Amino acid sequence: MRFAPRETRLIDYMQHLPLSLLAVLTALQPLSASTYNPTYNKDIAPILNTQCALCHRPGEVAPFSLLTYQDAAKRAGLIAAVTEKRFMPPWKPEPGYGKFQHERRLTGDQIALIAAWAKAGAPEGSPKDKPAPPVFAEGWSAGQPDKVVAMGNGHTVPADGPDQFVCFVVSLNLQADAYLLTAEFRPGNRRVVHHGVVYVDESGAARRLAAGSADASYPCFGGPRVTSTGIIAGWAPGQIQPPGDPQLSLPIKKGSDLVVQIHYHPSGKPETDTSSIGLTFSGPPTKGKTSILMVDTDIDIAPGDSHYLVKSSLTLPRDVELASVFPHAHLLCKDMKIDATLPDGTVTHLIWIKDWDFNWQGGYRFETPLHLPTGTRIDMAYTFDNSDGNPRNPSHPAQRVTFGEQTTDEMAVGFLGVILPTPADVAPFQREMRLANIEKILESGDISALRGRIPGGGARLQQLMKAFDRNGDGKLDADERAALMQYLRTVM
């Protein structure tokens, strides 16, 4: 091998260095999986204990435990394969697009260590390097609840077949308005409970949907199928219940119900589940907490379309602190991105999921709430694949897909949790957001989409159209829309 003059001088220089100095320089070189021989006790167990054992332990939803060397060693190749593909641990957001609490993403170095360990035959290593086993909280992680409500009364999950999406309606039996501090979902049977989402229904609509069922439930694939106050809690394997903040307690009206959507995944044998919610209460909040719903109902995906793009945007009417983001779609979505463009043009990435998987959806709480000033534009862009090449497509051959609640329908939804300076700011903020959504619908020309958003329903909508369509052409031009919006601002 011939060396360039510069390389020759460097080799000659290294040969004349004192042995002690060579040792120091060698020690300073970064170790890599190719030059380092990782062992279970020293290198792999700390990774598995921190990122995997929360689910991979007895009684939890994962199919096997990873608490011991024997557990891990016999699956070393599988662990290396699923971590290399980033299939496990299940953490979908891309790095650099939002910084979230309790991230379960492995680093490149950790993945390389696991691969090297598996390739080397999964050596156990020295007993002195073995870390202490992980300790997990027993009972309610947010503390002893003030009230526990159960659902299902032994809901039956068959041995196999399609996953179930069931909404349970739970009456809180509140004798007066209250302030909710925490709502902690506790799965009854972790072998079949895939995830749970908790809503509040003040209208009684969910109760009517569940009327006649033995366990106060009804099917609900896409969502609760009622107008709720938004998501108040959720659980998925590996998720940690955050402590309650008395400044942000949630007002709950007397007579309200909880609606709990549970995703059940068959385990291979018949199972039953009675999950529960632990509730704690406090005094009235000193800050406002609410949510923004971003949704596009104009979805019509032709069969074979592998890159159908849905976009939605809104502009904030006031300063907010953005605390969380919960993106949602069904089976055909493959890419989802939500960004915020500040008034000065600066773009803040909120979340980007390049490989959306309905089975691993969840809510993401920012490590630190993001300040978004008045005039910030939030843009949502979801891409859907309705081709036969999409393995998650429920229809073969592919069928036309539109917006809806069913498994074979689609959605493009984003829930954004926001914090406002005072509770008194919540109602005006919600009103401004409703008016902004109505104005956007009017500009789109799809007046029928206003049903349910205008007080009085469809009949009132027809009256307004007749009153403000001054030229009688069956649609609203810019001046007519402006006049209608001015009217709505006085009545909503």
Protein backbone atom coordinates (compact mmCIF):
# COMPACT_ATOMS: atom_id res chain seq x y z
CA MET A 1 0.00 0.00 0.00
CA ARG A 2 1.37 3.40 -0.98
CA PHE A 3 0.79 6.39 1.29
CA ALA A 4 0.65 10.05 0.36
CA PRO A 5 3.54 12.14 1.72
CA ARG A 6 1.34 13.65 4.41
CA GLU A 7 0.20 10.18 5.56
CA THR A 8 3.81 8.94 5.58
CA ARG A 9 4.87 11.80 7.83
CA LEU A 10 1.96 11.09 10.19
CA ILE A 11 2.86 7.38 10.44
CA ASP A 12 6.52 8.20 11.10
CA TYR A 13 5.47 10.70 13.76
CA MET A 14 3.22 8.13 15.48
CA GLN A 15 6.02 5.55 15.51
CA HIS A 16 8.26 7.88 17.51
CA LEU A 17 5.66 8.81 20.14
CA PRO A 18 6.26 7.51 23.66
CA LEU A 19 4.23 4.38 24.42
CA SER A 20 2.39 6.11 27.29
CA LEU A 21 1.26 8.95 25.03
CA LEU A 22 0.10 6.47 22.39
CA ALA A 23 -2.01 4.77 25.04
CA VAL A 24 -3.63 8.06 26.00
CA LEU A 25 -4.40 8.97 22.38
CA THR A 26 -5.86 5.51 21.78
CA ALA A 27 -8.07 5.85 24.84
CA LEU A 28 -9.39 9.13 23.52
CA GLN A 29 -10.67 7.53 20.29
CA PRO A 30 -14.46 7.06 20.28
CA LEU A 31 -15.63 3.51 20.77
CA SER A 32 -18.01 2.05 18.20
CA ALA A 33 -20.00 -1.17 18.04
CA SER A 34 -17.43 -2.53 15.56
CA THR A 35 -14.50 -2.08 17.95
CA TYR A 36 -16.28 -2.63 21.25
CA ASN A 37 -17.67 -5.94 22.47
CA PRO A 38 -20.94 -5.14 24.25
CA THR A 39 -22.38 -7.46 26.89
CA TYR A 40 -25.87 -7.81 28.28
CA ASN A 41 -25.01 -6.80 31.84
CA LYS A 42 -22.97 -3.72 30.99
CA ASP A 43 -24.57 -2.39 27.80
CA ILE A 44 -27.86 -4.02 26.81
CA ALA A 45 -29.71 -4.42 30.12
CA PRO A 46 -29.68 -0.64 30.83
CA ILE A 47 -31.29 -0.01 27.42
CA LEU A 48 -33.95 -2.70 27.82
CA ASN A 49 -34.71 -1.71 31.41
CA THR A 50 -35.24 1.93 30.47
CA GLN A 51 -36.97 1.70 27.11
CA CYS A 52 -38.57 -1.74 26.87
CA ALA A 53 -39.36 -3.29 30.25
CA LEU A 54 -42.27 -0.95 30.96
CA CYS A 55 -44.29 -3.07 28.50
CA HIS A 56 -42.14 -6.18 28.25
CA ARG A 57 -42.74 -7.61 31.73
CA PRO A 58 -45.22 -10.06 33.27
CA GLY A 59 -48.84 -8.90 33.15
CA GLU A 60 -48.27 -6.18 30.58
CA VAL A 61 -49.43 -5.90 26.98
CA ALA A 62 -46.20 -7.06 25.31
CA PRO A 63 -46.13 -10.78 24.34
CA PHE A 64 -42.97 -11.60 26.31
CA SER A 65 -40.82 -10.29 29.16
CA LEU A 66 -37.35 -8.73 28.80
CA LEU A 67 -36.43 -8.45 32.47
CA THR A 68 -33.70 -11.13 32.56
CA TYR A 69 -30.67 -12.13 30.53
CA GLN A 70 -32.38 -15.40 29.59
CA ASP A 71 -35.43 -13.49 28.32
CA ALA A 72 -33.32 -11.23 26.13
CA ALA A 73 -30.63 -13.64 24.93
CA LYS A 74 -33.01 -16.09 23.27
CA ARG A 75 -34.55 -13.19 21.33
CA ALA A 76 -31.35 -11.27 20.59
CA GLY A 77 -31.76 -11.54 16.82
CA LEU A 78 -35.39 -10.41 16.98
CA ILE A 79 -34.52 -7.46 19.24
CA ALA A 80 -31.74 -6.40 16.88
CA ALA A 81 -34.04 -6.64 13.84
CA VAL A 82 -36.99 -4.66 15.26
CA THR A 83 -34.80 -1.95 16.78
CA GLU A 84 -32.76 -1.57 13.57
CA LYS A 85 -36.03 -0.96 11.68
CA ARG A 86 -37.20 1.31 14.54
CA PHE A 87 -40.34 -0.77 14.81
CA MET A 88 -39.56 -1.04 18.51
CA PRO A 89 -39.79 0.74 20.82
CA PRO A 90 -42.95 2.24 19.27
CA TRP A 91 -42.12 5.93 18.98
CA LYS A 92 -43.37 7.53 15.78
CA PRO A 93 -42.40 11.25 15.86
CA GLU A 94 -39.30 12.17 13.87
CA PRO A 95 -36.36 13.65 15.83
CA GLY A 96 -36.09 17.41 15.46
CA TYR A 97 -39.83 17.88 14.93
CA GLY A 98 -41.03 18.60 18.44
CA LYS A 99 -39.34 17.72 21.72
CA PHE A 100 -41.65 15.59 23.85
CA GLN A 101 -41.79 14.22 27.36
CA HIS A 102 -40.92 10.55 27.98
CA GLU A 103 -39.52 9.90 24.50
CA ARG A 104 -38.90 6.21 23.80
CA ARG A 105 -36.60 6.69 20.82
CA LEU A 106 -33.32 4.74 20.76
CA THR A 107 -30.16 6.50 19.62
CA GLY A 108 -28.13 5.25 16.69
CA ASP A 109 -25.38 4.14 19.09
CA GLN A 110 -27.84 2.12 21.17
CA ILE A 111 -29.18 0.36 18.08
CA ALA A 112 -25.61 -0.41 16.95
CA LEU A 113 -24.76 -1.85 20.37
CA ILE A 114 -27.78 -4.16 20.28
CA ALA A 115 -26.85 -5.33 16.77
CA ALA A 116 -23.23 -5.99 17.76
CA TRP A 117 -24.31 -7.85 20.90
CA ALA A 118 -26.68 -10.09 18.93
CA LYS A 119 -24.04 -10.74 16.24
CA ALA A 120 -21.51 -11.74 18.92
CA GLY A 121 -23.87 -14.40 20.28
CA ALA A 122 -25.48 -12.32 23.02
CA PRO A 123 -22.74 -12.56 25.70
CA GLU A 124 -23.94 -12.05 29.25
CA GLY A 125 -20.83 -10.35 30.62
CA SER A 126 -19.51 -9.95 34.15
CA PRO A 127 -22.00 -10.26 37.04
CA LYS A 128 -20.45 -7.17 38.62
CA ASP A 129 -21.69 -5.09 35.68
CA LYS A 130 -25.29 -6.22 36.07
CA PRO A 131 -27.60 -3.27 36.88
CA ALA A 132 -30.29 -3.33 39.52
CA PRO A 133 -33.64 -4.51 38.11
CA PRO A 134 -36.10 -1.74 37.20
CA VAL A 135 -38.73 -0.74 39.73
CA PHE A 136 -42.23 0.11 38.55
CA ALA A 137 -44.91 1.99 40.38
CA GLU A 138 -47.72 -0.16 41.69
CA GLY A 139 -51.28 1.07 41.73
CA TRP A 140 -52.21 4.55 40.56
CA SER A 141 -49.16 6.44 39.30
CA ALA A 142 -50.78 9.85 39.88
CA GLY A 143 -51.65 9.02 43.50
CA GLN A 144 -54.73 7.61 45.20
CA PRO A 145 -57.82 8.84 43.30
CA ASP A 146 -60.73 10.66 44.88
CA LYS A 147 -63.11 8.66 42.73
CA VAL A 148 -62.73 5.45 40.69
CA VAL A 149 -65.18 4.57 37.93
CA ALA A 150 -65.16 1.27 36.06
CA MET A 151 -66.43 0.41 32.61
CA GLY A 152 -67.38 -2.72 30.77
CA ASN A 153 -68.33 -5.01 33.67
CA GLY A 154 -66.25 -7.74 32.08
CA HIS A 155 -66.33 -6.75 28.42
CA THR A 156 -65.70 -9.82 26.25
CA VAL A 157 -62.88 -9.82 23.70
CA PRO A 158 -62.90 -12.85 21.35
CA ALA A 159 -59.81 -14.97 20.79
CA ASP A 160 -59.25 -13.69 17.27
CA GLY A 161 -60.80 -11.58 14.56
CA PRO A 162 -60.62 -7.83 13.96
CA ASP A 163 -59.66 -5.36 16.64
CA GLN A 164 -62.52 -3.77 18.58
CA PHE A 165 -63.03 -0.05 19.17
CA VAL A 166 -65.58 0.42 21.93
CA CYS A 167 -66.81 3.58 23.68
CA PHE A 168 -68.02 3.14 27.26
CA VAL A 169 -70.25 5.81 28.79
CA VAL A 170 -69.60 6.41 32.48
CA SER A 171 -71.89 8.66 34.49
CA LEU A 172 -69.93 10.75 36.98
CA ASN A 173 -73.05 11.38 39.11
CA LEU A 174 -71.77 14.82 40.05
CA GLN A 175 -74.17 16.66 42.32
CA ALA A 176 -72.53 19.99 41.47
CA ASP A 177 -69.99 21.40 39.05
CA ALA A 178 -66.47 20.16 39.85
CA TYR A 179 -62.84 20.71 38.85
CA LEU A 180 -60.91 17.74 37.54
CA LEU A 181 -57.22 17.57 38.41
CA THR A 182 -56.25 14.20 36.88
CA ALA A 183 -57.97 11.40 34.98
CA GLU A 184 -55.79 8.28 34.92
CA PHE A 185 -56.79 5.39 32.67
CA ARG A 186 -56.00 2.00 34.19
CA PRO A 187 -56.32 -1.00 31.84
CA GLY A 188 -58.03 -3.97 33.44
CA ASN A 189 -56.56 -6.63 31.14
CA ARG A 190 -53.29 -5.46 29.63
CA ARG A 191 -53.13 -8.47 27.34
CA VAL A 192 -55.94 -7.05 25.21
CA VAL A 193 -56.18 -3.32 25.98
CA HIS A 194 -54.16 -1.60 23.28
CA HIS A 195 -54.93 2.00 24.24
CA GLY A 196 -57.63 4.18 25.79
CA VAL A 197 -58.78 7.77 25.24
CA VAL A 198 -61.01 9.70 27.64
CA TYR A 199 -63.48 12.45 26.67
CA VAL A 200 -66.14 14.46 28.53
CA ASP A 201 -69.67 14.65 27.12
CA GLU A 202 -71.88 17.39 28.54
CA SER A 203 -74.75 16.81 26.08
CA GLY A 204 -75.95 13.31 26.96
CA ALA A 205 -75.51 12.28 23.30
CA ALA A 206 -73.14 9.42 24.14
CA ARG A 207 -75.61 8.06 26.67
CA ARG A 208 -78.25 7.93 23.94
CA LEU A 209 -75.87 6.07 21.59
CA ALA A 210 -75.25 3.46 24.31
CA ALA A 211 -78.95 3.08 25.22
CA GLY A 212 -80.01 -0.55 25.29
CA SER A 213 -76.51 -2.02 25.56
CA ALA A 214 -75.72 -4.26 28.49
CA ASP A 215 -72.52 -2.41 29.44
CA ALA A 216 -73.34 1.18 28.40
CA SER A 217 -71.18 0.96 25.29
CA TYR A 218 -71.30 1.47 21.53
CA PRO A 219 -68.84 0.89 18.65
CA CYS A 220 -66.64 3.90 17.83
CA PHE A 221 -63.69 3.30 15.53
CA GLY A 222 -62.78 6.88 14.59
CA GLY A 223 -63.76 8.75 17.75
CA PRO A 224 -66.57 9.17 20.30
CA ARG A 225 -69.13 10.19 17.62
CA VAL A 226 -70.34 13.05 19.84
CA THR A 227 -69.31 16.67 20.29
CA SER A 228 -67.11 16.61 23.37
CA THR A 229 -64.97 19.09 25.25
CA GLY A 230 -61.91 17.35 23.81
CA ILE A 231 -59.50 14.66 24.98
CA ILE A 232 -58.87 14.92 28.71
CA ALA A 233 -56.68 11.84 29.16
CA GLY A 234 -55.23 8.90 27.31
CA TRP A 235 -53.19 5.78 27.86
CA ALA A 236 -51.02 3.57 25.68
CA PRO A 237 -48.38 1.02 26.71
CA GLY A 238 -45.34 2.85 28.00
CA GLN A 239 -47.21 6.08 28.66
CA ILE A 240 -46.68 7.71 32.05
CA GLN A 241 -49.45 9.65 33.74
CA PRO A 242 -48.22 13.21 34.37
CA PRO A 243 -48.94 14.79 37.76
CA GLY A 244 -51.88 17.13 37.96
CA ASP A 245 -51.40 20.90 37.96
CA PRO A 246 -53.97 22.70 40.15
CA GLN A 247 -53.50 25.79 37.99
CA LEU A 248 -54.96 23.82 35.07
CA SER A 249 -57.82 21.88 36.66
CA LEU A 250 -60.66 21.23 34.21
CA PRO A 251 -64.20 22.48 34.98
CA ILE A 252 -66.70 19.60 34.71
CA LYS A 253 -70.39 20.46 34.63
CA LYS A 254 -72.94 18.69 36.77
CA GLY A 255 -74.54 15.86 34.80
CA SER A 256 -71.52 15.27 32.54
CA ASP A 257 -70.47 11.80 31.43
CA LEU A 258 -67.08 10.36 30.67
CA VAL A 259 -66.76 8.67 27.29
CA VAL A 260 -63.88 6.20 27.25
CA GLN A 261 -62.78 4.78 23.90
CA ILE A 262 -60.85 1.52 24.27
CA HIS A 263 -59.00 -0.24 21.48
CA TYR A 264 -59.02 -4.01 22.10
CA HIS A 265 -56.57 -6.35 20.36
CA PRO A 266 -57.37 -10.11 20.50
CA SER A 267 -54.72 -12.14 22.33
CA GLY A 268 -55.37 -15.58 20.81
CA LYS A 269 -57.77 -16.74 23.52
CA PRO A 270 -61.06 -15.36 24.87
CA GLU A 271 -60.50 -12.55 27.36
CA THR A 272 -62.56 -10.17 29.49
CA ASP A 273 -61.73 -6.63 30.55
CA THR A 274 -62.97 -4.17 33.12
CA SER A 275 -60.83 -1.07 32.84
CA SER A 276 -61.20 1.92 35.13
CA ILE A 277 -60.51 5.62 35.46
CA GLY A 278 -59.07 7.18 38.62
CA LEU A 279 -60.20 10.77 39.11
CA THR A 280 -58.79 13.43 41.40
CA PHE A 281 -60.38 16.82 41.96
CA SER A 282 -59.15 20.19 43.15
CA GLY A 283 -60.22 23.79 43.36
CA PRO A 284 -60.90 26.09 40.41
CA PRO A 285 -58.05 26.70 37.96
CA THR A 286 -56.02 29.89 37.76
CA LYS A 287 -55.07 29.31 34.11
CA GLY A 288 -57.17 28.36 31.13
CA LYS A 289 -56.87 24.99 29.43
CA THR A 290 -58.62 24.07 26.21
CA SER A 291 -57.97 22.40 22.88
CA ILE A 292 -57.96 23.35 19.22
CA LEU A 293 -59.50 20.92 16.76
CA MET A 294 -58.00 20.91 13.29
CA VAL A 295 -60.04 18.80 10.90
CA ASP A 296 -60.59 18.51 7.18
CA THR A 297 -63.80 16.72 6.18
CA ASP A 298 -63.22 17.23 2.44
CA ILE A 299 -61.64 13.82 1.87
CA ASP A 300 -62.35 11.87 -1.32
CA ILE A 301 -59.56 9.41 -2.21
CA ALA A 302 -59.85 7.60 -5.50
CA PRO A 303 -58.84 3.91 -5.58
CA GLY A 304 -55.21 3.59 -6.61
CA ASP A 305 -54.19 7.07 -5.45
CA SER A 306 -50.99 6.48 -3.50
CA HIS A 307 -50.25 10.12 -2.66
CA TYR A 308 -53.47 11.92 -1.71
CA LEU A 309 -52.67 15.12 0.18
CA VAL A 310 -55.02 16.75 2.71
CA LYS A 311 -54.16 20.22 3.99
CA SER A 312 -55.71 22.39 6.67
CA SER A 313 -54.63 25.59 8.38
CA LEU A 314 -55.79 28.07 10.97
CA THR A 315 -54.54 31.36 12.40
CA LEU A 316 -54.41 31.92 16.14
CA PRO A 317 -56.55 34.87 17.31
CA ARG A 318 -54.37 35.40 20.40
CA ASP A 319 -51.20 34.31 22.19
CA VAL A 320 -51.23 30.73 23.51
CA GLU A 321 -48.92 28.22 25.14
CA LEU A 322 -49.07 24.99 23.13
CA ALA A 323 -48.81 22.07 25.56
CA SER A 324 -49.56 18.97 23.48
CA VAL A 325 -50.42 17.56 20.08
CA PHE A 326 -52.52 14.51 19.19
CA PRO A 327 -52.59 13.69 15.45
CA HIS A 328 -55.25 11.28 14.22
CA ALA A 329 -56.14 9.49 11.01
CA HIS A 330 -57.27 5.99 10.06
CA LEU A 331 -55.58 3.18 8.15
CA LEU A 332 -54.60 4.78 4.84
CA CYS A 333 -52.56 7.68 6.21
CA LYS A 334 -48.82 7.29 5.74
CA ASP A 335 -47.35 10.71 6.54
CA MET A 336 -48.56 13.51 8.82
CA LYS A 337 -46.96 16.83 9.60
CA ILE A 338 -48.04 19.85 11.66
CA ASP A 339 -46.02 23.09 11.61
CA ALA A 340 -46.47 26.56 13.08
CA THR A 341 -45.39 29.66 11.14
CA LEU A 342 -44.93 32.65 13.44
CA PRO A 343 -45.81 36.20 12.32
CA ASP A 344 -42.12 36.92 11.65
CA GLY A 345 -41.93 33.95 9.25
CA THR A 346 -40.11 31.61 11.64
CA VAL A 347 -41.28 28.00 11.28
CA THR A 348 -41.63 25.86 14.40
CA HIS A 349 -42.05 22.15 13.67
CA LEU A 350 -44.69 20.68 15.97
CA ILE A 351 -44.67 17.03 14.86
CA TRP A 352 -43.81 14.89 11.85
CA ILE A 353 -44.70 11.21 11.60
CA LYS A 354 -43.30 9.68 8.41
CA ASP A 355 -44.73 6.20 8.94
CA TRP A 356 -48.14 6.64 10.55
CA ASP A 357 -49.58 3.49 12.09
CA PHE A 358 -53.09 3.65 13.52
CA ASN A 359 -52.17 0.94 16.02
CA TRP A 360 -49.51 3.16 17.59
CA GLN A 361 -51.32 6.48 17.73
CA GLY A 362 -51.04 8.62 20.82
CA GLY A 363 -50.85 12.06 22.33
CA TYR A 364 -47.54 13.86 22.72
CA ARG A 365 -46.86 16.39 25.46
CA PHE A 366 -44.12 18.92 24.71
CA GLU A 367 -41.16 18.91 27.05
CA THR A 368 -41.74 22.64 27.49
CA PRO A 369 -44.94 24.38 26.30
CA LEU A 370 -44.35 26.39 23.12
CA HIS A 371 -45.24 30.08 23.04
CA LEU A 372 -47.18 30.88 19.87
CA PRO A 373 -48.06 34.56 19.42
CA THR A 374 -51.19 36.07 17.92
CA GLY A 375 -51.26 35.63 14.16
CA THR A 376 -49.35 32.33 14.16
CA ARG A 377 -50.53 30.09 11.31
CA ILE A 378 -50.72 26.38 12.03
CA ASP A 379 -50.55 24.12 8.98
CA MET A 380 -51.51 20.46 8.90
CA ALA A 381 -50.60 18.20 5.95
CA TYR A 382 -51.52 14.49 5.86
CA THR A 383 -50.73 12.11 2.99
CA PHE A 384 -52.81 8.98 2.27
CA ASP A 385 -52.09 5.86 0.24
CA ASN A 386 -55.20 4.20 -1.21
CA SER A 387 -53.35 1.81 -3.49
CA ASP A 388 -53.31 -1.98 -3.44
CA GLY A 389 -49.62 -1.67 -2.56
CA ASN A 390 -50.47 -0.30 0.89
CA PRO A 391 -50.44 -3.32 3.25
CA ARG A 392 -52.64 -1.41 5.72
CA ASN A 393 -55.39 -0.79 3.16
CA PRO A 394 -58.48 -2.61 4.53
CA SER A 395 -60.00 -2.98 1.04
CA HIS A 396 -58.63 -5.22 -1.72
CA PRO A 397 -59.14 -4.17 -4.41
CA ALA A 398 -58.90 -0.57 -3.25
CA GLN A 399 -62.19 1.34 -2.97
CA ARG A 400 -63.05 5.04 -3.02
CA VAL A 401 -62.62 6.42 0.51
CA THR A 402 -64.26 9.52 2.00
CA PHE A 403 -64.39 11.19 5.41
CA GLY A 404 -66.22 9.21 8.09
CA GLU A 405 -66.19 7.29 11.37
CA GLN A 406 -65.99 3.73 10.05
CA THR A 407 -62.88 1.58 9.69
CA THR A 408 -62.95 1.91 5.91
CA ASP A 409 -63.47 5.71 6.05
CA GLU A 410 -60.72 8.25 6.66
CA MET A 411 -60.02 11.27 8.83
CA ALA A 412 -57.45 14.06 9.02
CA VAL A 413 -57.58 15.45 12.55
CA GLY A 414 -55.22 17.23 14.90
CA PHE A 415 -55.97 18.01 18.55
CA LEU A 416 -53.78 20.78 19.97
CA GLY A 417 -53.78 21.32 23.73
CA VAL A 418 -53.34 24.98 24.65
CA ILE A 419 -52.88 26.97 27.85
CA LEU A 420 -54.27 30.48 28.29
CA PRO A 421 -53.46 33.09 30.97
CA THR A 422 -56.77 32.77 32.87
CA PRO A 423 -59.88 30.55 32.85
CA ALA A 424 -61.89 33.57 31.67
CA ASP A 425 -59.91 33.51 28.41
CA VAL A 426 -61.18 30.05 27.43
CA ALA A 427 -64.73 30.91 26.29
CA PRO A 428 -63.70 33.92 24.13
CA PHE A 429 -60.87 31.89 22.61
CA GLN A 430 -63.18 28.98 21.76
CA ARG A 431 -65.66 31.44 20.25
CA GLU A 432 -62.99 33.01 18.06
CA MET A 433 -61.83 29.59 16.90
CA ARG A 434 -65.40 28.55 16.03
CA LEU A 435 -65.92 31.74 14.06
CA ALA A 436 -62.61 31.25 12.26
CA ASN A 437 -63.64 27.72 11.27
CA ILE A 438 -67.00 28.97 10.01
CA GLU A 439 -65.32 31.70 7.97
CA LYS A 440 -62.98 29.13 6.44
CA ILE A 441 -65.91 26.89 5.49
CA LEU A 442 -67.73 29.83 3.93
CA GLU A 443 -64.67 30.62 1.83
CA SER A 444 -64.51 27.00 0.63
CA GLY A 445 -68.05 27.28 -0.72
CA ASP A 446 -69.23 24.05 0.98
CA ILE A 447 -72.06 25.62 2.97
CA SER A 448 -73.44 22.20 3.96
CA ALA A 449 -70.35 21.72 6.17
CA LEU A 450 -71.77 24.37 8.50
CA ARG A 451 -74.45 21.96 9.75
CA GLY A 452 -73.90 21.48 13.45
CA ARG A 453 -71.73 24.60 13.72
CA ILE A 454 -74.55 27.15 13.43
CA PRO A 455 -76.98 27.47 16.36
CA GLY A 456 -80.31 26.10 15.17
CA GLY A 457 -78.93 23.45 12.83
CA GLY A 458 -79.87 22.88 9.20
CA ALA A 459 -83.11 24.87 9.27
CA ARG A 460 -81.33 27.93 10.64
CA LEU A 461 -78.60 27.52 8.02
CA GLN A 462 -81.19 27.65 5.24
CA GLN A 463 -82.70 30.80 6.75
CA LEU A 464 -79.29 32.48 6.88
CA MET A 465 -78.52 31.54 3.29
CA LYS A 466 -81.81 33.03 2.16
CA ALA A 467 -81.22 36.20 4.17
CA PHE A 468 -77.61 36.84 3.10
CA ASP A 469 -77.67 35.54 -0.50
CA ARG A 470 -78.78 38.97 -1.63
CA ASN A 471 -78.34 38.42 -5.36
CA GLY A 472 -80.15 35.05 -5.20
CA ASP A 473 -77.49 33.03 -7.04
CA GLY A 474 -77.48 30.20 -4.46
CA LYS A 475 -74.01 30.98 -3.08
CA LEU A 476 -72.32 33.65 -1.00
CA ASP A 477 -69.84 36.03 -2.60
CA ALA A 478 -67.15 37.89 -0.64
CA ASP A 479 -69.44 40.77 0.43
CA GLU A 480 -72.25 38.39 1.42
CA ARG A 481 -69.85 36.24 3.44
CA ALA A 482 -68.50 39.31 5.24
CA ALA A 483 -72.05 40.39 6.12
CA LEU A 484 -72.91 36.91 7.44
CA MET A 485 -69.73 36.76 9.54
CA GLN A 486 -70.50 40.19 11.00
CA TYR A 487 -73.94 38.91 11.99
CA LEU A 488 -72.59 35.68 13.49
CA ARG A 489 -70.14 37.61 15.64
CA THR A 490 -73.09 39.30 17.32
CA VAL A 491 -75.05 36.09 18.04
CA MET A 492 -72.38 33.48 18.83
